Protein backbone atom coordinates (compact mmCIF):
# COMPACT_ATOMS: atom_id res chain seq x y z
CA MET A 1 -0.06 0.20 -0.18
CA SER A 2 1.46 3.68 -0.86
CA THR A 3 0.15 4.99 2.80
CA VAL A 4 -0.19 3.78 5.99
CA THR A 5 -3.32 2.60 6.96
CA ASN A 6 -3.04 -0.55 9.38
CA TYR A 7 -0.40 -0.83 11.92
CA LYS A 8 1.30 -3.67 14.02
CA ARG A 9 0.32 -3.28 17.57
CA SER A 10 4.50 -2.26 18.31
CA GLU A 11 4.51 0.64 16.41
CA ILE A 12 1.12 2.38 17.91
CA GLY A 13 1.99 4.83 20.36
CA PRO A 14 3.90 8.58 20.32
CA GLY A 15 6.36 9.64 17.67
CA LYS A 16 5.71 6.79 15.77
CA VAL A 17 4.79 7.06 11.71
CA GLY A 18 1.27 8.81 11.91
CA PHE A 19 0.60 9.36 15.37
CA SER A 20 0.34 12.91 17.16
CA LYS A 21 -2.17 14.83 19.10
CA THR A 22 -3.95 16.18 16.32
CA ARG A 23 -4.11 12.97 14.36
CA SER A 24 -5.35 11.18 17.18
CA ILE A 25 -8.23 13.40 17.54
CA ILE A 26 -9.51 13.24 14.64
CA GLU A 27 -8.98 9.35 13.68
CA ALA A 28 -10.66 8.43 16.59
CA ALA A 29 -14.09 9.65 15.06
CA PHE A 30 -13.68 7.81 12.19
CA TYR A 31 -14.55 4.51 14.39
CA GLY A 32 -17.24 5.91 16.25
CA ASN A 33 -20.96 3.92 16.07
CA ASN A 34 -22.14 6.86 14.35
CA VAL A 35 -20.39 6.46 11.75
CA VAL A 36 -22.19 4.82 8.46
CA LYS A 37 -19.61 3.52 5.33
CA VAL A 38 -20.07 5.20 2.56
CA ASN A 39 -17.86 2.54 -0.26
CA THR A 40 -19.42 3.58 -3.65
CA LEU A 41 -19.79 5.89 -5.93
CA LYS A 42 -23.13 4.50 -6.59
CA GLU A 43 -24.10 5.25 -2.74
CA ALA A 44 -22.80 8.61 -2.45
CA TYR A 45 -24.77 9.59 -5.61
CA GLU A 46 -28.46 8.26 -4.01
CA LEU A 47 -27.01 10.05 -0.46
CA ALA A 48 -26.94 13.28 -2.59
CA LYS A 49 -29.73 12.83 -4.76
CA ASN A 50 -32.23 12.88 -1.33
CA SER A 51 -30.42 15.01 0.53
CA PRO A 52 -32.46 18.23 1.15
CA GLY A 53 -32.39 20.73 -0.44
CA THR A 54 -30.59 19.50 -3.74
CA ILE A 55 -31.54 19.92 -7.19
CA VAL A 56 -31.02 16.73 -9.19
CA THR A 57 -31.62 18.45 -13.29
CA ASP A 58 -32.76 16.84 -16.10
CA MET A 59 -28.96 16.99 -17.50
CA PRO A 60 -28.08 13.09 -17.76
CA VAL A 61 -24.26 12.75 -16.99
CA TYR A 62 -22.62 11.29 -19.59
CA ARG A 63 -21.40 7.85 -19.76
CA GLY A 64 -21.60 7.93 -15.69
CA GLU A 65 -21.92 4.19 -15.66
CA GLU A 66 -18.01 4.43 -17.20
CA PHE A 67 -17.05 5.83 -13.40
CA GLY A 68 -19.29 3.70 -10.94
CA LEU A 69 -22.66 5.23 -11.70
CA GLU A 70 -25.55 4.42 -12.75
CA PRO A 71 -26.57 4.71 -16.38
CA ASP A 72 -29.72 7.22 -15.57
CA ALA A 73 -27.57 9.61 -13.47
CA LYS A 74 -28.27 13.30 -13.88
CA VAL A 75 -26.14 15.88 -12.89
CA LEU A 76 -26.99 17.59 -9.42
CA LEU A 77 -26.71 21.09 -8.04
CA PHE A 78 -26.42 22.08 -4.27
CA ASN A 79 -25.66 25.90 -3.28
CA ASP A 80 -24.24 26.87 -0.36
CA GLY A 81 -25.95 30.17 0.45
CA SER A 82 -24.33 33.57 0.26
CA ILE A 83 -19.96 31.89 1.08
CA THR A 84 -19.26 30.95 -2.64
CA GLY A 85 -15.60 30.94 -2.39
CA ARG A 86 -12.32 29.85 -0.29
CA TYR A 87 -12.29 31.89 2.76
CA ALA A 88 -7.98 32.03 3.09
CA PRO A 89 -7.35 34.09 7.00
CA ALA A 90 -8.98 30.72 8.45
CA ARG A 91 -6.36 28.57 7.90
CA ARG A 92 -3.79 27.17 10.77
CA ILE A 93 -0.87 24.90 10.26
CA THR A 94 0.73 22.93 12.89
CA GLY A 95 4.30 23.95 12.97
CA GLU A 96 3.68 28.13 11.77
CA PRO A 97 4.59 30.39 14.55
CA GLY A 98 1.42 31.82 16.51
CA VAL A 99 -0.28 28.72 16.17
CA ASP A 100 -1.27 27.97 19.37
CA CYS A 101 -2.16 24.14 19.60
CA ASP A 102 -2.90 23.17 22.60
CA LYS A 103 -5.99 25.60 22.06
CA LEU A 104 -6.90 23.79 18.80
CA ASP A 105 -6.43 20.55 19.82
CA LYS A 106 -9.36 21.42 22.10
CA LEU A 107 -11.65 22.56 19.45
CA VAL A 108 -11.62 20.50 17.67
CA MET A 109 -11.93 17.21 20.76
CA ASP A 110 -15.39 19.74 21.42
CA ALA A 111 -16.35 19.57 17.47
CA VAL A 112 -16.05 15.83 16.81
CA TYR A 113 -17.91 15.45 20.74
CA ASP A 114 -20.71 17.76 19.42
CA THR A 115 -21.17 15.57 15.97
CA ARG A 116 -22.24 12.23 18.42
CA TRP A 117 -25.87 12.85 18.03
CA GLU A 118 -25.74 13.16 14.02
CA THR A 119 -25.23 10.51 11.63
CA MET A 120 -21.33 10.58 9.99
CA TYR A 121 -20.63 9.55 6.55
CA HIS A 122 -16.91 7.83 6.39
CA ALA A 123 -16.03 8.25 2.28
CA GLU A 124 -12.38 7.18 0.99
CA VAL A 125 -10.79 8.16 -1.83
CA TYR A 126 -6.88 7.72 -3.74
CA ILE A 127 -4.82 10.56 -4.67
CA GLY A 128 -2.49 10.39 -6.98
CA LEU A 129 -3.40 8.56 -10.59
CA ASP A 130 -0.27 6.63 -10.85
CA PRO A 131 1.65 3.36 -8.90
CA GLU A 132 4.98 5.52 -8.69
CA PHE A 133 2.37 8.49 -5.83
CA MET A 134 -0.91 7.56 -4.75
CA VAL A 135 -1.88 7.84 -1.15
CA LYS A 136 -5.29 6.95 0.52
CA ALA A 137 -7.80 9.85 1.53
CA HIS A 138 -11.10 9.47 4.59
CA LEU A 139 -13.36 11.99 4.74
CA LEU A 140 -15.97 12.57 7.74
CA ILE A 141 -18.91 14.37 7.82
CA PRO A 142 -22.50 14.65 8.95
CA GLU A 143 -25.81 13.75 7.45
CA GLY A 144 -26.86 16.47 5.42
CA GLU A 145 -23.70 17.11 4.26
CA GLU A 146 -24.03 14.33 1.35
CA ASN A 147 -23.29 16.54 -1.45
CA LEU A 148 -20.28 17.86 -0.11
CA MET A 149 -19.34 13.81 0.21
CA TYR A 150 -21.02 13.06 -3.18
CA SER A 151 -18.66 15.53 -5.20
CA TRP A 152 -14.83 15.07 -2.93
CA MET A 153 -15.58 11.19 -4.10
CA LEU A 154 -15.98 12.10 -7.39
CA ASN A 155 -13.24 14.74 -7.79
CA PHE A 156 -10.90 12.76 -6.53
CA GLN A 157 -10.42 8.72 -7.72
CA TYR A 158 -13.22 6.81 -6.08
CA MET A 159 -12.01 3.18 -5.08
CA SER A 160 -12.58 1.22 -8.75
CA ASP A 161 -12.23 -1.88 -8.89
CA GLN A 162 -8.71 -0.62 -11.14
CA TYR A 163 -7.68 1.81 -8.86
CA VAL A 164 -7.57 -0.41 -6.14
CA LYS A 165 -5.95 -2.88 -7.70
CA MET A 166 -3.14 -0.63 -8.59
CA TYR A 167 -2.90 1.08 -5.20
CA LYS A 168 -1.91 -2.50 -3.90
CA ASN A 169 1.19 -2.26 -6.36
CA SER A 170 1.66 0.75 -5.82
CA LYS A 171 5.17 2.34 -3.96
CA VAL A 172 4.94 2.32 -0.23
CA TYR A 173 5.38 4.86 1.76
CA GLU A 174 6.43 3.68 5.17
CA LYS A 175 6.88 7.14 6.52
CA GLU A 176 3.66 8.90 5.24
CA ALA A 177 0.19 8.13 7.23
CA ASP A 178 -3.04 7.46 5.05
CA ILE A 179 -5.21 11.51 5.67
CA TYR A 180 -7.76 11.97 7.52
CA ILE A 181 -10.22 14.88 7.26
CA PHE A 182 -13.13 15.68 10.12
CA SER A 183 -15.08 17.90 8.58
CA ASP A 184 -18.63 19.80 9.93
CA PRO A 185 -19.70 22.60 7.61
CA GLN A 186 -22.23 23.47 10.58
CA TRP A 187 -19.69 23.86 12.90
CA ALA A 188 -21.49 26.75 16.02
CA GLY A 189 -18.18 28.13 16.52
CA THR A 190 -16.05 29.55 19.25
CA ASP A 191 -15.00 32.36 20.89
CA GLN A 192 -11.52 30.35 23.34
CA THR A 193 -9.29 30.98 20.19
CA ASP A 194 -8.09 34.07 18.33
CA ILE A 195 -8.85 33.20 14.68
CA SER A 196 -10.00 35.37 11.90
CA ASP A 197 -13.52 34.61 11.53
CA PRO A 198 -14.95 32.43 14.76
CA ASN A 199 -17.04 30.52 12.77
CA CYS A 200 -14.94 28.71 10.60
CA LEU A 201 -11.47 26.88 11.04
CA CYS A 202 -9.41 24.77 8.61
CA TYR A 203 -6.73 23.03 11.05
CA PHE A 204 -3.88 21.48 9.25
CA ASN A 205 -1.05 18.85 10.95
CA THR A 206 0.79 18.17 7.90
CA GLU A 207 3.37 16.09 9.68
CA THR A 208 0.89 13.72 10.43
CA ASN A 209 -1.95 14.08 7.79
CA CYS A 210 -4.84 14.79 9.26
CA ALA A 211 -6.86 18.23 8.56
CA ALA A 212 -10.21 20.19 10.67
CA ILE A 213 -12.46 21.50 8.23
CA LEU A 214 -14.94 23.62 11.11
CA GLY A 215 -17.98 25.88 9.29
CA MET A 216 -16.71 25.42 6.35
CA LYS A 217 -19.40 24.93 3.13
CA TYR A 218 -18.05 25.72 -0.02
CA PHE A 219 -16.43 22.50 -1.66
CA GLY A 220 -13.67 24.20 -2.35
CA GLU A 221 -12.29 24.06 1.13
CA HIS A 222 -12.56 20.43 0.71
CA LYS A 223 -10.92 20.06 -2.43
CA LYS A 224 -7.67 22.16 -1.73
CA GLY A 225 -7.40 21.17 2.53
CA THR A 226 -7.23 17.56 1.10
CA LEU A 227 -4.65 18.42 -1.85
CA THR A 228 -3.24 20.72 1.01
CA LEU A 229 -1.92 17.69 3.04
CA ALA A 230 -1.23 15.40 -0.33
CA TRP A 231 1.48 17.77 -1.72
CA ALA A 232 3.46 18.11 0.94
CA ILE A 233 3.33 14.24 1.30
CA ALA A 234 4.95 14.41 -2.29
CA ASN A 235 7.07 17.33 -0.67
CA ARG A 236 8.20 14.95 1.79
CA ASN A 237 9.02 12.44 -0.87
CA GLY A 238 11.01 14.29 -4.09
CA TYR A 239 8.24 15.95 -5.73
CA ALA A 240 7.49 19.53 -6.64
CA SER A 241 3.73 20.60 -5.61
CA CYS A 242 2.17 22.28 -8.61
CA HIS A 243 -0.92 24.40 -8.57
CA GLY A 244 -0.87 24.34 -12.51
CA GLY A 245 -1.70 22.56 -15.41
CA GLN A 246 0.81 20.53 -17.93
CA LYS A 247 0.18 19.06 -21.35
CA GLU A 248 2.85 17.08 -23.74
CA TYR A 249 2.93 17.92 -27.38
CA THR A 250 4.32 16.01 -30.18
CA LEU A 251 5.20 18.03 -33.22
CA GLU A 252 6.00 17.01 -36.75
CA ASP A 253 9.35 15.68 -36.01
CA GLY A 254 7.87 13.51 -33.26
CA SER A 255 10.09 15.26 -30.51
CA LYS A 256 8.12 15.71 -27.47
CA TYR A 257 7.88 19.29 -25.33
CA VAL A 258 6.32 19.47 -22.14
CA ALA A 259 5.09 22.46 -20.69
CA ALA A 260 3.83 23.11 -17.23
CA VAL A 261 1.64 26.13 -16.19
CA PHE A 262 0.85 27.61 -13.22
CA GLY A 263 -1.22 30.09 -12.08
CA LEU A 264 -4.35 31.38 -9.84
CA SER A 265 -7.96 30.61 -10.81
CA GLY A 266 -8.74 33.48 -13.71
CA SER A 267 -5.19 33.36 -14.94
CA GLY A 268 -5.78 31.53 -18.07
CA LYS A 269 -4.21 28.14 -16.96
CA SER A 270 -7.23 25.66 -17.49
CA THR A 271 -7.03 27.55 -21.08
CA LEU A 272 -3.60 27.08 -22.12
CA THR A 273 -4.15 23.44 -20.39
CA HIS A 274 -6.79 22.53 -22.12
CA ALA A 275 -6.47 24.48 -26.12
CA LYS A 276 -6.43 22.53 -28.65
CA HIS A 277 -3.91 24.96 -30.89
CA GLY A 278 -6.70 23.51 -33.92
CA GLY A 279 -5.22 20.67 -34.66
CA LYS A 280 -1.67 21.71 -35.68
CA TYR A 281 -0.02 19.27 -33.71
CA PRO A 282 0.04 15.28 -34.00
CA SER A 283 -0.65 15.03 -30.83
CA ILE A 284 -1.60 16.55 -27.33
CA LYS A 285 -1.99 14.70 -23.78
CA VAL A 286 -2.87 16.68 -20.95
CA LEU A 287 -2.06 15.56 -17.90
CA HIS A 288 -4.66 18.06 -15.73
CA ASP A 289 -4.83 21.63 -14.97
CA ASP A 290 -5.02 22.47 -11.97
CA ALA A 291 -3.36 19.52 -9.55
CA PHE A 292 0.23 17.66 -10.50
CA VAL A 293 3.64 16.47 -8.23
CA ILE A 294 6.98 16.54 -10.92
CA ASN A 295 9.72 14.03 -9.92
CA SER A 296 12.68 16.24 -9.05
CA GLU A 297 14.96 13.61 -9.88
CA THR A 298 12.89 11.36 -13.57
CA CYS A 299 11.13 15.05 -14.11
CA SER A 300 8.29 12.72 -15.37
CA SER A 301 4.56 14.33 -13.75
CA ILE A 302 1.54 12.27 -11.83
CA ALA A 303 -1.78 14.27 -11.96
CA LEU A 304 -3.90 14.24 -8.94
CA GLU A 305 -7.08 14.12 -9.81
CA PRO A 306 -9.10 12.70 -12.61
CA THR A 307 -11.47 15.17 -12.71
CA TYR A 308 -11.98 18.90 -13.35
CA PHE A 309 -13.10 21.30 -10.52
CA ASP A 310 -14.28 24.38 -13.11
CA LYS A 311 -15.93 27.79 -12.92
CA THR A 312 -19.58 27.87 -15.02
CA ALA A 313 -19.05 31.42 -15.94
CA ASP A 314 -17.91 31.05 -19.63
CA TYR A 315 -19.95 27.69 -19.94
CA PRO A 316 -23.61 28.75 -21.71
CA CYS A 317 -26.57 26.39 -20.71
CA ASP A 318 -26.21 25.30 -24.62
CA CYS A 319 -22.77 25.20 -24.29
CA GLU A 320 -21.74 21.60 -25.48
CA ASP A 321 -18.98 21.26 -22.85
CA ASN A 322 -21.81 21.11 -20.45
CA LYS A 323 -22.68 17.55 -21.23
CA TYR A 324 -19.32 16.26 -19.12
CA LEU A 325 -21.23 17.86 -15.98
CA LEU A 326 -20.96 15.64 -13.16
CA THR A 327 -21.90 18.23 -10.46
CA ALA A 328 -22.62 21.75 -10.03
CA GLN A 329 -22.66 24.57 -6.63
CA ASN A 330 -23.28 27.61 -6.35
CA CYS A 331 -25.55 28.21 -9.92
CA SER A 332 -29.49 28.25 -10.67
CA ALA A 333 -31.52 26.41 -12.32
CA THR A 334 -34.48 27.30 -14.51
CA LEU A 335 -37.07 24.55 -16.71
CA ASP A 336 -36.29 25.05 -20.56
CA GLU A 337 -38.32 24.39 -23.51
CA ASP A 338 -39.38 21.12 -22.67
CA GLY A 339 -40.45 21.81 -19.04
CA LYS A 340 -36.80 19.74 -17.82
CA VAL A 341 -34.35 20.84 -15.12
CA VAL A 342 -31.37 22.84 -16.18
CA LEU A 343 -28.46 24.55 -14.69
CA VAL A 344 -28.24 28.87 -15.32
CA THR A 345 -24.88 29.26 -14.88
CA GLU A 346 -22.77 32.44 -16.56
CA ASP A 347 -22.62 33.69 -12.46
CA VAL A 348 -25.90 34.90 -12.76
CA ARG A 349 -26.76 33.81 -9.26
CA ASN A 350 -23.57 34.60 -8.13
CA GLY A 351 -19.60 35.26 -8.69
CA ASN A 352 -17.81 32.09 -8.55
CA GLY A 353 -20.43 29.02 -9.53
CA ARG A 354 -18.33 25.99 -9.98
CA ALA A 355 -18.77 22.45 -11.75
CA ILE A 356 -16.85 19.29 -11.70
CA LYS A 357 -16.53 18.10 -14.69
CA SER A 358 -15.85 14.36 -15.54
CA LYS A 359 -12.37 12.93 -17.26
CA LEU A 360 -14.13 12.14 -20.43
CA TRP A 361 -14.08 16.33 -21.03
CA SER A 362 -10.68 15.62 -21.86
CA PRO A 363 -10.33 12.90 -24.51
CA ASN A 364 -6.23 13.27 -24.88
CA ARG A 365 -6.11 13.09 -21.28
CA VAL A 366 -3.77 10.98 -19.77
CA ASP A 367 -2.75 10.68 -15.45
CA LYS A 368 1.15 10.29 -16.15
CA LEU A 369 3.81 11.89 -18.11
CA ASP A 370 7.17 10.05 -18.68
CA ALA A 371 8.69 12.64 -21.23
CA PRO A 372 10.73 14.73 -18.79
CA VAL A 373 8.93 18.68 -18.63
CA ASN A 374 11.04 21.10 -20.88
CA ALA A 375 9.37 24.73 -19.74
CA ILE A 376 8.18 26.12 -16.65
CA PHE A 377 5.09 29.43 -17.74
CA TRP A 378 4.66 31.48 -14.71
CA ILE A 379 1.11 32.99 -15.38
CA MET A 380 1.13 36.69 -14.00
CA LYS A 381 -1.02 39.26 -14.20
CA ASP A 382 1.30 42.46 -14.22
CA PRO A 383 1.08 45.11 -16.06
CA THR A 384 4.56 45.90 -16.38
CA ILE A 385 5.55 42.40 -17.60
CA PRO A 386 5.79 42.32 -21.66
CA PRO A 387 3.03 39.15 -22.73
CA VAL A 388 6.37 36.56 -22.64
CA VAL A 389 9.83 37.09 -20.97
CA LYS A 390 12.74 34.11 -20.35
CA LEU A 391 14.54 33.96 -17.61
CA LYS A 392 17.90 32.91 -17.01
CA GLY A 393 19.80 31.11 -14.21
CA SER A 394 18.10 28.73 -11.77
CA SER A 395 17.83 31.34 -9.00
CA LEU A 396 16.19 33.65 -11.21
CA ALA A 397 14.06 31.47 -12.16
CA ALA A 398 12.93 30.22 -8.92
CA VAL A 399 12.74 32.92 -7.17
CA MET A 400 10.25 34.82 -9.69
CA GLY A 401 7.56 31.97 -8.82
CA ALA A 402 7.94 32.85 -5.25
CA THR A 403 7.09 36.13 -6.18
CA LEU A 404 4.24 35.65 -8.83
CA ALA A 405 1.88 38.82 -8.89
CA THR A 406 -0.97 38.68 -9.95
CA LYS A 407 -4.66 39.51 -9.30
CA ARG A 408 -6.99 38.19 -6.72
CA SER A 409 -9.60 35.28 -7.84
CA SER A 410 -13.45 35.23 -7.39
CA ALA A 411 -12.28 32.11 -5.81
CA GLU A 412 -11.42 33.13 -2.72
CA ARG A 413 -13.65 35.30 -0.04
CA LEU A 414 -11.90 38.32 1.35
CA LYS A 415 -11.64 39.89 4.71
CA GLU A 416 -13.49 43.59 4.87
CA GLY A 417 -11.58 46.00 3.93
CA VAL A 418 -9.22 44.35 1.56
CA ASP A 419 -9.21 45.42 -2.42
CA PRO A 420 -9.81 43.13 -4.28
CA ASN A 421 -8.13 44.73 -7.20
CA ALA A 422 -4.81 44.71 -5.90
CA LEU A 423 -2.16 42.83 -6.91
CA VAL A 424 -0.79 40.10 -5.06
CA VAL A 425 2.21 38.10 -4.72
CA GLU A 426 1.13 34.13 -4.47
CA PRO A 427 4.10 31.73 -4.40
CA TYR A 428 4.44 29.99 -7.26
CA ALA A 429 0.41 30.25 -7.98
CA ASN A 430 -0.50 28.15 -4.53
CA PRO A 431 -1.87 29.47 -1.81
CA PHE A 432 -2.27 26.37 -0.44
CA ARG A 433 1.31 24.86 0.98
CA THR A 434 1.86 24.13 5.03
CA TYR A 435 5.73 23.40 4.46
CA PRO A 436 8.38 26.19 4.49
CA LEU A 437 8.39 28.03 0.72
CA VAL A 438 12.59 27.23 0.46
CA ASN A 439 11.42 23.44 -0.25
CA ASP A 440 9.37 24.36 -2.94
CA TYR A 441 12.07 27.46 -3.94
CA GLU A 442 15.05 24.67 -3.96
CA LYS A 443 12.73 22.46 -6.02
CA PHE A 444 11.82 24.14 -9.17
CA LYS A 445 15.51 25.72 -8.12
CA LYS A 446 16.76 22.52 -9.44
CA LEU A 447 14.47 21.17 -11.95
CA VAL A 448 16.59 24.75 -14.15
CA GLU A 449 19.98 24.36 -12.23
CA GLU A 450 20.19 20.54 -12.75
CA LYS A 451 17.58 19.73 -14.89
CA ASN A 452 17.76 21.81 -17.84
CA VAL A 453 13.83 23.17 -17.62
CA ASP A 454 13.26 26.40 -19.61
CA CYS A 455 11.42 28.95 -17.62
CA TYR A 456 9.33 31.84 -18.55
CA ILE A 457 6.67 34.84 -17.49
CA ILE A 458 3.68 34.63 -19.05
CA ASN A 459 1.66 37.86 -18.58
CA THR A 460 -2.29 37.25 -19.49
CA GLY A 461 -3.49 40.31 -18.05
CA ASP A 462 -3.10 43.62 -18.86
CA PHE A 463 0.30 45.31 -20.93
CA MET A 464 0.60 48.87 -19.56
CA GLY A 465 -3.43 49.13 -20.23
CA LYS A 466 -3.71 46.83 -23.15
CA LYS A 467 -5.56 43.40 -22.55
CA VAL A 468 -3.36 40.58 -23.86
CA GLN A 469 -6.24 38.60 -25.44
CA PRO A 470 -6.05 34.70 -25.71
CA LYS A 471 -5.02 34.50 -29.09
CA ASP A 472 -1.64 36.63 -28.06
CA THR A 473 -0.73 33.87 -25.19
CA LEU A 474 -1.51 30.77 -27.23
CA GLY A 475 0.56 32.22 -30.77
CA LEU A 476 3.04 32.54 -28.00
CA LEU A 477 3.47 29.56 -26.73
CA GLU A 478 3.54 27.70 -30.21
CA ALA A 479 6.49 29.81 -31.26
CA ILE A 480 8.33 28.19 -28.06
CA VAL A 481 7.36 24.89 -28.41
CA GLU A 482 7.87 25.04 -31.35
CA LYS A 483 11.22 26.73 -30.98
CA LYS A 484 10.46 29.58 -33.28
CA ALA A 485 10.53 32.25 -31.12
CA ASP A 486 13.14 34.90 -31.24
CA PHE A 487 14.26 35.77 -27.76
CA LYS A 488 16.91 38.72 -27.27
CA GLN A 489 18.37 40.39 -23.73
CA TRP A 490 15.63 42.81 -22.68
CA GLY A 491 17.24 46.49 -22.74
CA PRO A 492 19.54 46.08 -19.63
CA PHE A 493 18.55 43.08 -17.66
CA SER A 494 21.31 40.46 -18.12
CA ASP A 495 19.55 37.16 -17.00
CA ILE A 496 15.61 38.04 -19.09
CA GLU A 497 15.15 37.62 -22.50
CA VAL A 498 12.06 39.40 -24.26
CA PHE A 499 10.27 37.86 -27.42
CA GLU A 500 8.64 41.14 -28.94
CA TRP A 501 4.85 40.39 -30.01
CA ASP A 502 3.83 42.61 -32.02
CA GLY A 503 1.70 45.43 -30.22
CA PHE A 504 3.12 44.63 -27.36
CA VAL A 505 6.49 45.84 -27.70
CA PRO A 506 7.50 47.59 -24.76
CA ASP A 507 8.81 51.38 -24.49
CA LEU A 508 12.36 51.56 -21.76
CA THR A 509 12.77 54.92 -22.99
CA GLU A 510 9.03 55.69 -21.47
CA LYS A 511 9.09 57.40 -18.41
CA ASN A 512 6.18 56.52 -16.42
CA TYR A 513 6.19 52.43 -17.90
CA VAL A 514 9.94 52.57 -16.20
CA ALA A 515 8.59 54.36 -13.09
CA GLN A 516 6.04 51.54 -12.67
CA LEU A 517 8.51 48.59 -13.67
CA LYS A 518 10.83 49.60 -11.48
CA ALA A 519 7.88 49.64 -8.87
CA ARG A 520 7.57 46.09 -9.23
CA MET A 521 10.34 44.34 -9.17
CA GLN A 522 11.31 46.67 -6.22
CA ASP A 523 8.06 45.03 -4.68
CA ARG A 524 9.38 41.82 -5.56
CA LEU A 525 12.73 42.78 -3.64
CA ASN A 526 10.64 43.97 -0.78
CA TYR A 527 8.41 40.82 -0.65
CA VAL A 528 11.50 38.18 -0.53
CA THR A 529 13.16 40.68 2.11
CA SER A 530 10.38 40.78 4.26
CA LEU A 531 10.27 37.04 4.32
CA ASN A 532 13.20 37.55 6.76
CA THR A 533 11.32 38.37 9.38
CA LEU A 534 7.52 37.79 8.92
CA LYS A 535 6.59 34.37 10.82
CA GLU A 536 9.59 34.26 12.52
CA GLY A 537 11.28 33.84 9.12
CA TYR A 538 9.21 30.30 8.35
CA ASN A 539 9.16 31.36 4.92
CA LYS A 540 12.68 32.75 4.64
CA LEU A 541 14.35 32.14 1.38
CA PRO A 542 18.02 31.34 0.53
CA GLU A 543 20.42 34.57 0.43
CA ASP A 544 20.79 34.01 -3.44
CA ALA A 545 17.22 34.59 -4.00
CA ALA A 546 17.48 38.34 -3.00
CA GLU A 547 20.30 38.65 -4.84
CA ALA A 548 19.03 37.39 -8.10
CA ILE A 549 16.25 40.08 -7.90
CA ARG A 550 18.34 42.81 -6.63
CA LYS A 551 20.69 42.14 -9.44
CA VAL A 552 16.76 43.00 -11.37
CA VAL A 553 16.46 45.76 -9.34
CA GLU A 554 19.30 47.40 -9.95
CA GLN A 555 18.94 47.53 -13.61
CA ALA A 556 16.24 48.53 -13.72
CA ASN A 557 17.22 51.81 -11.87
CA SER A 558 20.20 52.23 -14.42
CA LEU A 559 16.82 52.89 -17.13
C-alpha cells in the first residue's frame, strides 16, 4: 500500500509514524458507532440525490456508468448560501509561528464530541493516479452534507476495482500515514481562540496528514484542504508540488515538448492547458489543469485528480461542454422549452459558480507524463511585464516563481476592506502550502539548474493598459514549443530575455512605464526580504534568491 492504514501494535504510540495529538483526536472519530461507511459512488449519489435542498436536474451524467454511476444518473446541483469562495484567513497550520495547537486541539475535541449526536459518513478516495505516487484519503462528514461528500469522491479517485488493484501494487511510503479529514460545515463556532473568523477554521497537522475543516460549506475548501495534505506528502518525498496545468506536445518530427503552466484560478492556466491549437500538432496529451507533482529526479509528472473543478461562468446553458458535468455548486436552475430542469450558469446567481466535469471532457487526458518537463511558465497578471519573457539562471527563475504577482480570484472570499483589484504575490500560484517556502524554491531551482528546464513569465492580463488576448498567449506558446521564438536580451536586464510580440513591445524610454516597472520589481524584492522576519522567518528564502532579484532592481534603476 502507498500510505499506512493498518499498524502492528508495536508500531502504535507517541513519535511513531502517523501519531500526534491532533491526529489522535481526528482519527478516533472515524471509528464511532455513529459512523456509516460509504463504499461506492452509487451509494454516495443516492445519498446526495435525496439530501434536503438538492436540485436533481434533468441533465444526464454522460457515460456515468464508466466511472461508477448508474446509467440514468443526473447532474446534481447544490447551493451553499451566500458563501461561494475559499477563505484563506481561516487556515491554521501546525508548526507555523503563532499557531496555538493546544487551544486548537481542544476546539477540535469539542467539535468531534458535538457530532456524536449525528450520523456521520466515512468516505475514502485515492489521490495520485499512478503507482509511483498514490495516497489514500478519508473524509468524515455529517448527515445533511451528502453533496459535499459526493463531490469529494468525484473530484478525487473513487475506489474502483482498477484503482484498488493499482493501489495495492503502488510504491510504499512507509513514513506516511493515510490522510484523515474531519469536516463539520455546520460547526457552531467558538470564542476560545484568536482565529480571524470565530465561525470557521481549517486546521492542518501536515506532518501526520490530518485536518479539521469546521464551519466551511464551500466544496473548494474540502478539495484544496485535501490537496494541501497530498502536496505536503509529495514535497517530503522528492516531488515538486504543482498548482497548475501540464501538457505534452508531439511535434511533426516526433519530438516531445512538455509545458507546465502555473497560475491561480482565473489566470488562464486551464485555457492554456486544454487548448487544442487548431489541430496543428500530431498529438497533445493533457495531464491536468490544477493539481500534479513533478519528480525532481526524473522530471516525469503525475496527476493527482481525475476530474476538473471548473468555473461555470464561461459555459452558457446550451454549451456542448456542459454534457460532461457531474455536479454543480452555486448556480441557479430553470425550466427549458421542454419543461426540463437545467442549470443557469454564467454567474447569474453569484460569482464563482462551479461544477465538476468528468475526465471525458478532455479526450486526450493521461494520468502520467513520462517525458521530462521542458519548460515552466509562471502566469502573472502584472501590467509591467510583456506578454512573455524568458528567465536565465536558476535563482532568478525560482525567485520569480516565489514572487508570482497576480490579481485576486473570484474563488477567494476576502476580509472586509481588502481591495480585490490590488496585485498580490502568491508564491508558485499555490496558496495551499503547509511547509516552508524554501522547500518549493529549492525544488524549482533544481529543475532549472540541474535538469535544464527552461523558465518563462507569461502575462495574461493587461500590458500597460492593453489586454493580452488568449490568441496572443497561445501564439507565443506555439512559437516557443516550435522553437521559433526569437528571444533577445531585454534592455539592461542581463538575465531576462524578451520575445517582442506585435502590439506589445515595451518602450524602455517611456518614463511612466519605466517608473512602474521599477516599482513592481522593487515590490518583489521587498516581498523576498520581508520573508526574513514575517512569521519569525518561517518562509525565509536563501540569500541567492534576494540577490537574483536585487540584480534586476539595480539594472532597472539604470534606465
